């Protein structure tokens, strides 16, 4: 059951880090990413794989065929299609680990596709950003083999904990958490964008720090929260659609989740309209971003005067 070869479907930020660290742990790692099909991105993708010690495959089918275990790390909107396509190509002695941030019902649909072809399936939920902790990023897993898979991945240095033998529970935990985490990012972006226009950001942050002194409102937290939207808002907005589905599937009206979709995507769209790329903002400063998007702050009095 211990994997000697792993294929990563999707070679973005998480895929690259996991791939590099698994190679260092002695695993042979293959990867496939749809960016390989685009001549404009192919060379950079190959260079990234080479520097990570990962072998980039020319086709989806080749990547699937080469590994004991397949880890899917794609965008939320592509997750189910990838699982269904992989199911038809995989052997019964292989295992599909779905780490995508999607609704439990989406994971169950992927699981059903794997069952139809006799392929093992693990529902996995990545519970924190991957870059800081890398292989030690906490991951929850569910499925009939969750305990065994957690043990084997633990032997490779990963931080994996089984939470249920039922597919969908791990994913539900992640989705519910995202309402709070992505919501906090969206609220902070709107709150401080508005406060800046009234030249009130210092007092707002001081008030937040007084109410929640342990969170870091007087330090790096505002930059961190807004930077997550600026850098990953498009992917996060797609994830929040799955979060909204998680709620609505159970009869809960996803008012906040739907608003977070708009807020996360809204900042990214505003940056595109301003011809701003995240890399050009590093080192990130939320004040610089907001001033670039909305112009120099004006006093409350002049705003009120305009309205009059």
Protein backbone atom coordinates (compact mmCIF):
# COMPACT_ATOMS: atom_id res chain seq x y z
CA UNK A 1 0.00 0.00 0.00
CA UNK A 2 2.96 2.37 0.45
CA UNK A 3 3.29 4.37 -2.78
CA UNK A 4 6.59 4.37 -4.63
CA UNK A 5 5.21 6.42 -7.50
CA UNK A 6 2.73 9.29 -7.31
CA UNK A 7 1.18 11.32 -10.11
CA UNK A 8 0.00 14.87 -9.53
CA UNK A 9 -2.81 16.06 -11.77
CA UNK A 10 -2.43 19.81 -11.57
CA UNK A 11 0.98 21.36 -11.04
CA UNK A 12 0.14 24.71 -9.52
CA UNK A 13 1.37 26.05 -6.20
CA UNK A 14 0.25 23.08 -4.07
CA UNK A 15 1.23 20.49 -6.68
CA UNK A 16 4.72 21.93 -7.09
CA UNK A 17 5.42 22.03 -3.35
CA UNK A 18 4.03 18.56 -2.66
CA UNK A 19 5.87 17.18 -5.68
CA UNK A 20 9.22 18.65 -4.69
CA UNK A 21 8.94 17.45 -1.10
CA UNK A 22 7.72 13.96 -2.03
CA UNK A 23 10.69 13.59 -4.38
CA UNK A 24 12.94 14.54 -1.47
CA UNK A 25 11.18 11.82 0.58
CA UNK A 26 12.18 9.20 -1.99
CA UNK A 27 9.03 8.99 -4.11
CA UNK A 28 9.13 9.06 -7.91
CA UNK A 29 6.70 11.83 -8.86
CA UNK A 30 5.03 12.42 -12.22
CA UNK A 31 2.79 15.34 -13.10
CA UNK A 32 0.36 16.52 -15.71
CA UNK A 33 -1.09 20.02 -16.04
CA UNK A 34 -3.38 21.32 -18.77
CA UNK A 35 -1.00 24.27 -19.21
CA UNK A 36 1.19 21.76 -21.03
CA UNK A 37 -1.23 22.01 -23.96
CA UNK A 38 -0.54 25.73 -24.37
CA UNK A 39 2.73 26.53 -26.22
CA UNK A 40 2.90 29.85 -24.35
CA UNK A 41 3.12 28.19 -20.93
CA UNK A 42 4.73 24.84 -21.74
CA UNK A 43 8.39 25.87 -21.37
CA UNK A 44 7.86 27.53 -17.98
CA UNK A 45 5.90 24.50 -16.76
CA UNK A 46 8.68 22.12 -17.79
CA UNK A 47 11.27 24.31 -16.09
CA UNK A 48 9.26 24.34 -12.87
CA UNK A 49 8.93 20.54 -12.97
CA UNK A 50 12.63 20.08 -13.67
CA UNK A 51 13.62 22.26 -10.72
CA UNK A 52 11.26 20.28 -8.49
CA UNK A 53 12.65 16.91 -9.57
CA UNK A 54 9.26 15.96 -11.03
CA UNK A 55 8.78 14.33 -14.43
CA UNK A 56 6.18 16.22 -16.46
CA UNK A 57 4.11 13.93 -18.68
CA UNK A 58 2.98 14.73 -22.21
CA UNK A 59 -0.57 13.48 -21.72
CA UNK A 60 -3.18 12.92 -19.03
CA UNK A 61 -3.35 9.22 -19.88
CA UNK A 62 0.41 8.76 -19.57
CA UNK A 63 0.46 10.46 -16.17
CA UNK A 64 -2.38 8.26 -14.88
CA UNK A 65 -0.75 5.04 -16.10
CA UNK A 66 2.62 5.63 -14.42
CA UNK A 67 1.69 5.88 -10.74
CA UNK A 68 0.49 3.78 -7.81
CA UNK A 69 -1.41 6.75 -6.42
CA UNK A 70 -2.91 9.73 -8.24
CA UNK A 71 -3.39 13.04 -6.42
CA UNK A 72 -5.80 15.48 -8.04
CA UNK A 73 -4.92 19.12 -7.29
CA UNK A 74 -6.82 21.09 -9.91
CA UNK A 75 -9.24 24.02 -9.83
CA UNK A 76 -12.65 23.50 -8.25
CA UNK A 77 -14.50 23.84 -11.54
CA UNK A 78 -12.39 21.08 -13.14
CA UNK A 79 -12.29 18.63 -10.23
CA UNK A 80 -15.24 16.39 -11.16
CA UNK A 81 -14.37 16.19 -14.85
CA UNK A 82 -10.80 15.21 -13.95
CA UNK A 83 -12.04 12.47 -11.60
CA UNK A 84 -14.44 11.04 -14.17
CA UNK A 85 -11.81 11.05 -16.89
CA UNK A 86 -9.23 9.48 -14.59
CA UNK A 87 -11.66 6.77 -13.41
CA UNK A 88 -11.98 5.38 -16.93
CA UNK A 89 -8.18 5.18 -17.27
CA UNK A 90 -7.18 3.82 -13.85
CA UNK A 91 -6.57 0.25 -12.73
CA UNK A 92 -8.11 -1.42 -9.71
CA UNK A 93 -4.70 -1.50 -7.96
CA UNK A 94 -4.41 2.29 -8.11
CA UNK A 95 -5.74 4.90 -5.69
CA UNK A 96 -7.22 8.33 -6.45
CA UNK A 97 -6.72 11.02 -3.77
CA UNK A 98 -8.95 14.04 -4.34
CA UNK A 99 -7.51 17.09 -2.52
CA UNK A 100 -9.65 19.61 -4.39
CA UNK A 101 -11.73 22.18 -2.49
CA UNK A 102 -15.22 21.13 -3.60
CA UNK A 103 -18.58 20.34 -2.03
CA UNK A 104 -19.20 16.94 -0.43
CA UNK A 105 -21.74 16.14 -3.15
CA UNK A 106 -19.05 16.80 -5.78
CA UNK A 107 -16.68 14.45 -3.96
CA UNK A 108 -19.42 11.79 -3.76
CA UNK A 109 -20.01 12.08 -7.51
CA UNK A 110 -16.28 11.58 -8.10
CA UNK A 111 -16.31 8.62 -5.70
CA UNK A 112 -19.21 7.06 -7.62
CA UNK A 113 -17.22 7.32 -10.86
CA UNK A 114 -14.26 5.58 -9.23
CA UNK A 115 -16.50 2.85 -7.78
CA UNK A 116 -17.95 2.16 -11.21
CA UNK A 117 -14.45 1.28 -12.43
CA UNK A 118 -13.31 -0.48 -9.23
CA UNK A 119 -10.80 2.21 -8.26
CA UNK A 120 -10.09 3.26 -4.66
CA UNK A 121 -10.97 6.83 -3.71
CA UNK A 122 -9.93 9.13 -0.85
CA UNK A 123 -11.69 12.39 0.02
CA UNK A 124 -8.95 14.77 1.20
CA UNK A 125 -9.24 18.32 2.51
CA UNK A 126 -6.21 20.63 2.73
CA UNK A 127 -6.91 22.72 5.82
CA UNK A 128 -4.38 25.56 5.49
CA UNK A 129 -2.28 27.33 2.83
CA UNK A 130 0.40 24.95 1.57
CA UNK A 131 3.48 27.22 1.18
CA UNK A 132 4.31 27.89 4.84
CA UNK A 133 4.16 24.28 6.13
CA UNK A 134 4.65 22.36 2.86
CA UNK A 135 4.30 18.61 3.55
CA UNK A 136 3.33 19.41 7.14
CA UNK A 137 0.19 21.26 6.00
CA UNK A 138 -2.73 19.62 7.86
CA UNK A 139 -4.87 17.40 5.64
CA UNK A 140 -8.05 15.57 6.65
CA UNK A 141 -9.00 12.38 4.81
CA UNK A 142 -12.11 10.27 4.50
CA UNK A 143 -13.03 7.00 2.83
CA UNK A 144 -12.88 3.30 3.59
CA UNK A 145 -9.06 3.27 3.45
CA UNK A 146 -8.57 6.66 5.13
CA UNK A 147 -6.70 5.31 8.16
CA UNK A 148 -4.27 3.26 6.10
CA UNK A 149 -3.66 6.07 3.60
CA UNK A 150 -3.04 8.52 6.46
CA UNK A 151 -0.43 6.15 7.90
CA UNK A 152 1.36 5.71 4.58
CA UNK A 153 1.41 9.43 3.82
CA UNK A 154 2.56 10.07 7.38
CA UNK A 155 5.56 7.83 6.72
CA UNK A 156 6.44 10.19 3.86
CA UNK A 157 6.38 13.18 6.21
CA UNK A 158 2.85 14.43 5.54
CA UNK A 159 0.47 15.65 8.25
CA UNK A 160 -2.65 13.61 7.48
CA UNK A 161 -5.50 12.70 9.82
CA UNK A 162 -8.44 10.38 9.07
CA UNK A 163 -11.82 11.80 10.12
CA UNK A 164 -14.38 9.41 8.64
CA UNK A 165 -14.81 6.29 6.56
CA UNK A 166 -17.55 8.17 4.69
CA UNK A 167 -16.68 10.24 1.63
CA UNK A 168 -17.73 13.88 2.05
CA UNK A 169 -17.12 14.48 5.75
CA UNK A 170 -13.55 15.77 5.35
CA UNK A 171 -14.70 17.99 2.52
CA UNK A 172 -17.62 19.35 4.58
CA UNK A 173 -15.21 20.38 7.34
CA UNK A 174 -13.09 22.29 4.83
CA UNK A 175 -16.07 23.93 3.14
CA UNK A 176 -17.61 25.12 6.41
CA UNK A 177 -14.27 26.52 7.54
CA UNK A 178 -13.98 28.40 4.24
CA UNK A 179 -17.15 30.37 4.96
CA UNK A 180 -15.32 31.89 7.92
CA UNK A 181 -11.79 32.18 6.48
CA UNK A 182 -12.63 33.44 2.98
CA UNK A 183 -15.35 35.57 4.52
CA UNK A 184 -12.85 37.26 6.83
CA UNK A 185 -10.63 38.00 3.84
CA UNK A 186 -13.56 39.51 1.92
CA UNK A 187 -14.78 41.54 4.90
CA UNK A 188 -11.29 42.91 5.56
CA UNK A 189 -10.87 43.94 1.93
CA UNK A 190 -14.19 45.81 1.86
CA UNK A 191 -13.78 47.28 5.35
CA UNK A 192 -10.30 48.70 4.82
CA UNK A 193 -10.92 49.80 1.23
CA UNK A 194 -13.78 51.93 2.51
CA UNK A 195 -11.93 53.13 5.60
CA UNK A 196 -9.01 54.26 3.47
CA UNK A 197 -11.28 56.49 1.38
CA UNK A 198 -12.36 58.27 4.55
CA UNK A 199 -8.78 58.42 5.89
CA UNK A 200 -10.07 56.38 8.82
CA UNK A 201 -8.02 53.21 8.43
CA UNK A 202 -5.77 53.81 11.45
CA UNK A 203 -8.69 54.29 13.80
CA UNK A 204 -10.57 51.34 12.33
CA UNK A 205 -7.57 49.04 12.77
CA UNK A 206 -6.97 50.35 16.29
CA UNK A 207 -10.59 49.62 17.16
CA UNK A 208 -10.38 46.11 15.71
CA UNK A 209 -7.18 45.48 17.64
CA UNK A 210 -8.83 46.64 20.85
CA UNK A 211 -11.74 44.25 20.30
CA UNK A 212 -9.62 41.30 19.11
CA UNK A 213 -6.09 41.91 20.44
CA UNK A 214 -4.77 38.43 19.67
CA UNK A 215 -5.56 38.47 15.94
CA UNK A 216 -2.88 40.91 14.78
CA UNK A 217 -4.93 43.80 13.41
CA UNK A 218 -2.11 46.10 14.51
CA UNK A 219 0.45 44.02 12.60
CA UNK A 220 0.66 41.86 9.51
CA UNK A 221 -2.91 40.49 9.47
CA UNK A 222 -4.51 43.14 7.17
CA UNK A 223 -1.75 42.71 4.56
CA UNK A 224 -2.02 38.92 4.77
CA UNK A 225 -5.81 38.74 4.44
CA UNK A 226 -6.05 41.18 1.53
CA UNK A 227 -3.03 39.64 -0.20
CA UNK A 228 -4.79 36.25 -0.23
CA UNK A 229 -7.66 37.80 -2.18
CA UNK A 230 -5.35 39.74 -4.50
CA UNK A 231 -3.25 36.67 -5.31
CA UNK A 232 -5.82 33.86 -5.22
CA UNK A 233 -9.23 35.56 -5.52
CA UNK A 234 -10.15 33.85 -8.78
CA UNK A 235 -9.47 30.36 -7.43
CA UNK A 236 -11.08 31.24 -4.10
CA UNK A 237 -14.24 32.53 -5.80
CA UNK A 238 -14.57 29.18 -7.59
CA UNK A 239 -14.08 27.37 -4.29
CA UNK A 240 -16.74 29.54 -2.66
CA UNK A 241 -19.24 28.45 -5.30
CA UNK A 242 -18.66 24.91 -4.03
CA UNK A 243 -19.05 26.19 -0.46
CA UNK A 244 -22.40 27.72 -1.40
CA UNK A 245 -23.38 24.36 -2.90
CA UNK A 246 -22.36 22.65 0.34
CA UNK A 247 -24.86 24.79 2.25
CA UNK A 248 -27.68 24.70 -0.29
CA UNK A 249 -27.40 20.90 -0.62
CA UNK A 250 -28.47 20.73 3.03
CA UNK A 251 -31.20 23.34 2.78
CA UNK A 252 -29.16 26.20 4.28
CA UNK A 253 -29.44 29.45 2.33
CA UNK A 254 -25.84 30.45 1.41
CA UNK A 255 -26.25 34.21 1.61
CA UNK A 256 -22.75 34.91 2.90
CA UNK A 257 -21.02 32.35 0.65
CA UNK A 258 -22.57 33.87 -2.47
CA UNK A 259 -21.51 37.34 -1.36
CA UNK A 260 -17.96 36.08 -0.74
CA UNK A 261 -17.85 34.73 -4.32
CA UNK A 262 -18.54 38.26 -5.60
CA UNK A 263 -16.11 39.91 -3.17
CA UNK A 264 -13.21 37.57 -3.94
CA UNK A 265 -13.74 37.82 -7.68
CA UNK A 266 -14.43 41.55 -7.49
CA UNK A 267 -10.95 42.51 -6.30
CA UNK A 268 -9.33 40.36 -8.98
CA UNK A 269 -11.50 41.95 -11.67
CA UNK A 270 -10.64 45.42 -10.37
CA UNK A 271 -6.94 44.56 -10.58
CA UNK A 272 -7.37 43.30 -14.14
CA UNK A 273 -9.17 46.51 -15.12
CA UNK A 274 -6.26 48.48 -13.64
CA UNK A 275 -3.74 46.25 -15.45
CA UNK A 276 -2.29 45.16 -12.11
CA UNK A 277 -0.53 41.82 -11.70
CA UNK A 278 0.00 40.47 -8.18
CA UNK A 279 3.73 39.95 -8.77
CA UNK A 280 4.10 43.68 -9.42
CA UNK A 281 2.75 44.39 -5.92
CA UNK A 282 5.37 42.39 -4.03
CA UNK A 283 6.34 43.04 -1.31
CA UNK A 284 2.61 43.37 -0.75
CA UNK A 285 1.18 46.49 0.90
CA UNK A 286 -2.60 46.69 1.11
CA UNK A 287 -2.52 50.51 1.24
CA UNK A 288 -0.60 50.68 -2.03
CA UNK A 289 -3.05 48.32 -3.72
CA UNK A 290 -6.15 50.20 -2.54
CA UNK A 291 -4.70 53.59 -3.43
CA UNK A 292 -3.84 52.29 -6.90
CA UNK A 293 -7.35 50.92 -7.45
CA UNK A 294 -9.39 53.75 -5.94
CA UNK A 295 -7.08 56.75 -6.12
CA UNK A 296 -5.85 58.93 -3.27
CA UNK A 297 -8.13 58.98 -0.24
CA UNK A 298 -10.35 61.99 0.21
CA UNK A 299 -11.81 63.42 3.37
CA UNK A 300 -15.29 62.49 4.53
CA UNK A 301 -16.28 66.14 4.28
CA UNK A 302 -15.49 66.38 0.56
CA UNK A 303 -17.40 63.19 -0.17
CA UNK A 304 -20.44 64.54 1.65
CA UNK A 305 -20.03 67.88 -0.13
CA UNK A 306 -20.08 66.12 -3.51
CA UNK A 307 -23.25 64.27 -2.58
CA UNK A 308 -24.90 67.54 -1.55
